[in-house]
Amino acid sequence: MDREKLFRFIEENIEKVNKIDEDFWNMHCENVSSIFYNFQIPAVDGRIFWKSIDLDNGWSIQINTVTYNCRILDEKHYRRCYGPRKLVLEPIYDEVVKMNDN
């Protein structure tokens, strides 16, 4: 799925994304980090180059407006995972689709 459509899908289904449990987020970020190495560092420049979806748990999903890479930030604004759209966004999409099937 096209990166903009994927990001828009997540925005449009934010109430379902907010229902995804914390275990998913922790495991997902761990999986992405094992493939695309990630340092858990404080995020900077969140307003200029990043389009953001804020979640109820304080986390946010962001897509870079220049490179189109994605990242997930925790409630303390630390980068939990970073990488290409396929690794970061598609598992979230799949999780929402599973919720729709139930």
N, C-alpha and C. Protein backbone atom coordinates (compact mmCIF):
# COMPACT_ATOMS: atom_id res chain seq x y z
N MET A 1 0.84 -1.18 0.00
CA MET A 1 0.00 0.00 0.00
C MET A 1 0.89 1.25 0.00
N ASP A 2 0.51 2.24 -0.74
CA ASP A 2 1.21 3.52 -0.83
C ASP A 2 1.37 4.13 0.57
N ARG A 3 2.51 4.75 0.82
CA ARG A 3 2.82 5.26 2.16
C ARG A 3 1.81 6.28 2.66
N GLU A 4 1.34 7.16 1.77
CA GLU A 4 0.35 8.16 2.20
C GLU A 4 -0.99 7.51 2.53
N LYS A 5 -1.39 6.53 1.72
CA LYS A 5 -2.64 5.82 1.99
C LYS A 5 -2.54 5.04 3.30
N LEU A 6 -1.40 4.45 3.54
CA LEU A 6 -1.18 3.70 4.77
C LEU A 6 -1.25 4.60 5.99
N PHE A 7 -0.58 5.74 5.92
CA PHE A 7 -0.60 6.70 7.02
C PHE A 7 -2.02 7.23 7.23
N ARG A 8 -2.72 7.54 6.14
CA ARG A 8 -4.10 8.04 6.20
C ARG A 8 -5.02 6.98 6.82
N PHE A 9 -4.83 5.71 6.45
CA PHE A 9 -5.62 4.62 7.01
C PHE A 9 -5.47 4.59 8.53
N ILE A 10 -4.24 4.74 9.00
CA ILE A 10 -4.00 4.73 10.45
C ILE A 10 -4.68 5.94 11.09
N GLU A 11 -4.57 7.11 10.47
CA GLU A 11 -5.25 8.31 10.99
C GLU A 11 -6.76 8.10 11.06
N GLU A 12 -7.34 7.53 10.00
CA GLU A 12 -8.79 7.35 9.94
C GLU A 12 -9.29 6.28 10.90
N ASN A 13 -8.41 5.40 11.32
CA ASN A 13 -8.78 4.32 12.24
C ASN A 13 -8.13 4.50 13.62
N ILE A 14 -7.92 5.75 14.00
CA ILE A 14 -7.19 6.04 15.23
C ILE A 14 -7.86 5.42 16.46
N GLU A 15 -9.18 5.35 16.48
CA GLU A 15 -9.83 4.77 17.66
C GLU A 15 -9.48 3.29 17.81
N LYS A 16 -9.30 2.59 16.71
CA LYS A 16 -8.88 1.18 16.78
C LYS A 16 -7.40 1.07 17.09
N VAL A 17 -6.60 1.96 16.52
CA VAL A 17 -5.17 1.96 16.82
C VAL A 17 -4.96 2.19 18.31
N ASN A 18 -5.77 3.05 18.90
CA ASN A 18 -5.67 3.32 20.34
C ASN A 18 -6.03 2.12 21.19
N LYS A 19 -6.75 1.15 20.63
CA LYS A 19 -7.13 -0.06 21.37
C LYS A 19 -6.06 -1.15 21.32
N ILE A 20 -5.05 -0.97 20.49
CA ILE A 20 -3.97 -1.96 20.41
C ILE A 20 -3.22 -1.96 21.73
N ASP A 21 -3.02 -3.15 22.28
CA ASP A 21 -2.43 -3.22 23.63
C ASP A 21 -0.93 -2.95 23.64
N GLU A 22 -0.44 -2.65 24.83
CA GLU A 22 0.96 -2.25 25.00
C GLU A 22 1.94 -3.35 24.60
N ASP A 23 1.55 -4.61 24.79
CA ASP A 23 2.42 -5.73 24.39
C ASP A 23 2.72 -5.68 22.90
N PHE A 24 1.71 -5.35 22.09
CA PHE A 24 1.93 -5.24 20.64
C PHE A 24 2.98 -4.18 20.36
N TRP A 25 2.82 -2.98 20.96
CA TRP A 25 3.74 -1.88 20.69
C TRP A 25 5.17 -2.24 21.08
N ASN A 26 5.34 -2.85 22.25
CA ASN A 26 6.68 -3.23 22.70
C ASN A 26 7.29 -4.29 21.78
N MET A 27 6.52 -5.30 21.42
CA MET A 27 7.03 -6.37 20.56
C MET A 27 7.30 -5.83 19.15
N HIS A 28 6.40 -5.01 18.65
CA HIS A 28 6.56 -4.44 17.30
C HIS A 28 7.85 -3.61 17.23
N CYS A 29 8.06 -2.76 18.21
CA CYS A 29 9.27 -1.92 18.21
C CYS A 29 10.53 -2.77 18.35
N GLU A 30 10.44 -3.82 19.14
CA GLU A 30 11.59 -4.73 19.29
C GLU A 30 11.88 -5.44 17.96
N ASN A 31 10.84 -5.87 17.26
CA ASN A 31 11.02 -6.54 15.97
C ASN A 31 11.65 -5.61 14.93
N VAL A 32 11.15 -4.39 14.85
CA VAL A 32 11.69 -3.43 13.88
C VAL A 32 13.15 -3.14 14.22
N SER A 33 13.43 -2.96 15.51
CA SER A 33 14.80 -2.63 15.93
C SER A 33 15.78 -3.78 15.66
N SER A 34 15.29 -5.01 15.66
CA SER A 34 16.18 -6.14 15.39
C SER A 34 16.57 -6.20 13.92
N ILE A 35 15.74 -5.64 13.04
CA ILE A 35 16.01 -5.65 11.61
C ILE A 35 16.72 -4.38 11.18
N PHE A 36 16.25 -3.26 11.69
CA PHE A 36 16.74 -1.94 11.31
C PHE A 36 17.22 -1.30 12.60
N TYR A 37 18.50 -1.45 12.93
CA TYR A 37 19.01 -1.11 14.25
C TYR A 37 18.57 0.28 14.71
N ASN A 38 18.18 0.37 15.96
CA ASN A 38 17.63 1.60 16.51
C ASN A 38 18.25 1.91 17.86
N PHE A 39 18.56 3.16 18.07
CA PHE A 39 18.96 3.64 19.39
C PHE A 39 17.74 4.30 20.01
N GLN A 40 17.48 4.01 21.27
CA GLN A 40 16.40 4.69 21.96
C GLN A 40 16.94 6.02 22.48
N ILE A 41 16.73 7.05 21.70
CA ILE A 41 17.24 8.37 22.02
C ILE A 41 16.08 9.36 22.01
N PRO A 42 16.23 10.49 22.70
CA PRO A 42 15.16 11.49 22.64
C PRO A 42 14.99 11.99 21.21
N ALA A 43 13.75 12.13 20.80
CA ALA A 43 13.46 12.61 19.45
C ALA A 43 13.54 14.13 19.41
N VAL A 44 14.06 14.62 18.31
CA VAL A 44 14.12 16.07 18.10
C VAL A 44 13.44 16.38 16.76
N ASP A 45 13.12 17.62 16.56
CA ASP A 45 12.59 18.09 15.28
C ASP A 45 11.28 17.40 14.90
N GLY A 46 10.38 17.25 15.85
CA GLY A 46 9.12 16.58 15.56
C GLY A 46 8.11 17.40 14.80
N ARG A 47 8.32 18.70 14.65
CA ARG A 47 7.29 19.53 14.03
C ARG A 47 7.61 19.94 12.60
N ILE A 48 8.86 19.97 12.25
CA ILE A 48 9.22 20.48 10.93
C ILE A 48 9.19 19.38 9.87
N PHE A 49 9.89 18.29 10.12
CA PHE A 49 10.03 17.26 9.10
C PHE A 49 9.19 16.02 9.35
N TRP A 50 8.36 16.00 10.39
CA TRP A 50 7.60 14.81 10.74
C TRP A 50 6.11 15.10 10.82
N LYS A 51 5.33 14.29 10.14
CA LYS A 51 3.88 14.32 10.25
C LYS A 51 3.52 13.30 11.33
N SER A 52 2.67 13.67 12.27
CA SER A 52 2.48 12.85 13.45
C SER A 52 1.03 12.45 13.67
N ILE A 53 0.85 11.22 14.18
CA ILE A 53 -0.44 10.75 14.69
C ILE A 53 -0.21 10.48 16.17
N ASP A 54 -0.91 11.22 17.02
CA ASP A 54 -0.75 11.03 18.46
C ASP A 54 -1.75 10.01 18.97
N LEU A 55 -1.27 9.10 19.81
CA LEU A 55 -2.12 8.05 20.36
C LEU A 55 -2.52 8.39 21.79
N ASP A 56 -3.59 7.77 22.26
CA ASP A 56 -4.09 8.03 23.62
C ASP A 56 -3.10 7.65 24.70
N ASN A 57 -2.24 6.67 24.44
CA ASN A 57 -1.29 6.21 25.45
C ASN A 57 -0.06 7.12 25.55
N GLY A 58 -0.06 8.22 24.82
CA GLY A 58 1.07 9.16 24.85
C GLY A 58 2.10 8.89 23.77
N TRP A 59 2.01 7.76 23.09
CA TRP A 59 2.94 7.43 22.02
C TRP A 59 2.53 8.17 20.75
N SER A 60 3.41 8.24 19.77
CA SER A 60 3.05 8.80 18.47
C SER A 60 3.73 8.04 17.35
N ILE A 61 3.03 8.01 16.23
CA ILE A 61 3.53 7.39 15.01
C ILE A 61 3.84 8.55 14.07
N GLN A 62 5.05 8.58 13.53
CA GLN A 62 5.44 9.70 12.69
C GLN A 62 6.03 9.23 11.37
N ILE A 63 5.81 10.04 10.33
CA ILE A 63 6.40 9.77 9.02
C ILE A 63 7.17 11.03 8.60
N ASN A 64 8.39 10.82 8.14
CA ASN A 64 9.22 11.93 7.73
C ASN A 64 8.73 12.45 6.38
N THR A 65 8.55 13.76 6.28
CA THR A 65 8.00 14.35 5.06
C THR A 65 9.03 14.46 3.94
N VAL A 66 10.30 14.19 4.23
CA VAL A 66 11.35 14.24 3.21
C VAL A 66 11.76 12.83 2.79
N THR A 67 12.12 11.99 3.76
CA THR A 67 12.62 10.64 3.46
C THR A 67 11.52 9.57 3.45
N TYR A 68 10.39 9.87 4.07
CA TYR A 68 9.25 8.95 4.22
C TYR A 68 9.56 7.76 5.12
N ASN A 69 10.69 7.79 5.84
CA ASN A 69 10.91 6.79 6.87
C ASN A 69 9.96 7.10 8.02
N CYS A 70 9.73 6.12 8.86
CA CYS A 70 8.76 6.26 9.95
C CYS A 70 9.45 6.00 11.28
N ARG A 71 8.82 6.49 12.34
CA ARG A 71 9.31 6.20 13.68
C ARG A 71 8.13 6.18 14.63
N ILE A 72 8.34 5.48 15.74
CA ILE A 72 7.36 5.45 16.82
C ILE A 72 8.04 6.00 18.05
N LEU A 73 7.39 6.98 18.68
CA LEU A 73 7.91 7.61 19.89
C LEU A 73 7.06 7.19 21.08
N ASP A 74 7.72 6.97 22.22
CA ASP A 74 6.95 6.63 23.42
C ASP A 74 6.46 7.89 24.12
N GLU A 75 5.83 7.70 25.27
CA GLU A 75 5.23 8.83 25.98
C GLU A 75 6.26 9.83 26.51
N LYS A 76 7.52 9.42 26.60
CA LYS A 76 8.59 10.33 27.03
C LYS A 76 9.29 10.98 25.84
N HIS A 77 8.76 10.74 24.66
CA HIS A 77 9.26 11.28 23.39
C HIS A 77 10.62 10.66 23.00
N TYR A 78 10.83 9.40 23.42
CA TYR A 78 12.01 8.65 23.01
C TYR A 78 11.64 7.82 21.79
N ARG A 79 12.58 7.75 20.85
CA ARG A 79 12.35 6.96 19.64
C ARG A 79 12.45 5.49 20.01
N ARG A 80 11.35 4.75 19.86
CA ARG A 80 11.34 3.33 20.16
C ARG A 80 11.68 2.49 18.95
N CYS A 81 11.31 2.96 17.76
CA CYS A 81 11.74 2.29 16.55
C CYS A 81 11.72 3.27 15.39
N TYR A 82 12.51 2.94 14.38
CA TYR A 82 12.67 3.80 13.22
C TYR A 82 13.00 2.92 12.03
N GLY A 83 12.44 3.24 10.90
CA GLY A 83 12.77 2.47 9.71
C GLY A 83 11.82 2.76 8.57
N PRO A 84 11.93 1.96 7.52
CA PRO A 84 11.08 2.15 6.35
C PRO A 84 9.61 1.83 6.67
N ARG A 85 8.75 2.42 5.90
CA ARG A 85 7.30 2.27 6.09
C ARG A 85 6.87 0.81 6.21
N LYS A 86 7.43 -0.04 5.36
CA LYS A 86 7.03 -1.45 5.36
C LYS A 86 7.24 -2.08 6.74
N LEU A 87 8.35 -1.76 7.38
CA LEU A 87 8.62 -2.34 8.69
C LEU A 87 7.83 -1.68 9.81
N VAL A 88 7.63 -0.38 9.72
CA VAL A 88 7.02 0.34 10.84
C VAL A 88 5.50 0.39 10.75
N LEU A 89 4.95 0.76 9.60
CA LEU A 89 3.51 1.00 9.49
C LEU A 89 2.68 -0.23 9.14
N GLU A 90 3.20 -1.10 8.28
CA GLU A 90 2.37 -2.22 7.82
C GLU A 90 1.91 -3.15 8.93
N PRO A 91 2.73 -3.47 9.95
CA PRO A 91 2.21 -4.30 11.03
C PRO A 91 1.07 -3.64 11.82
N ILE A 92 1.09 -2.31 11.91
CA ILE A 92 0.00 -1.60 12.58
C ILE A 92 -1.27 -1.72 11.73
N TYR A 93 -1.12 -1.55 10.43
CA TYR A 93 -2.23 -1.73 9.50
C TYR A 93 -2.80 -3.15 9.65
N ASP A 94 -1.93 -4.15 9.65
CA ASP A 94 -2.38 -5.55 9.77
C ASP A 94 -3.14 -5.77 11.07
N GLU A 95 -2.67 -5.16 12.16
CA GLU A 95 -3.33 -5.32 13.46
C GLU A 95 -4.73 -4.70 13.43
N VAL A 96 -4.89 -3.56 12.80
CA VAL A 96 -6.21 -2.93 12.68
C VAL A 96 -7.13 -3.77 11.81
N VAL A 97 -6.61 -4.30 10.71
CA VAL A 97 -7.41 -5.15 9.84
C VAL A 97 -7.89 -6.39 10.60
N LYS A 98 -7.01 -6.97 11.43
CA LYS A 98 -7.42 -8.13 12.25
C LYS A 98 -8.56 -7.74 13.19
N MET A 99 -8.49 -6.55 13.76
CA MET A 99 -9.55 -6.08 14.65
C MET A 99 -10.87 -5.93 13.88
N ASN A 100 -10.79 -5.49 12.63
CA ASN A 100 -11.99 -5.33 11.81
C ASN A 100 -12.62 -6.69 11.48
N ASP A 101 -11.78 -7.71 11.38
CA ASP A 101 -12.27 -9.06 11.04
C ASP A 101 -13.00 -9.71 12.21
N ASN A 102 -12.70 -9.26 13.42
CA ASN A 102 -13.33 -9.87 14.63
C ASN A 102 -14.66 -9.25 14.94
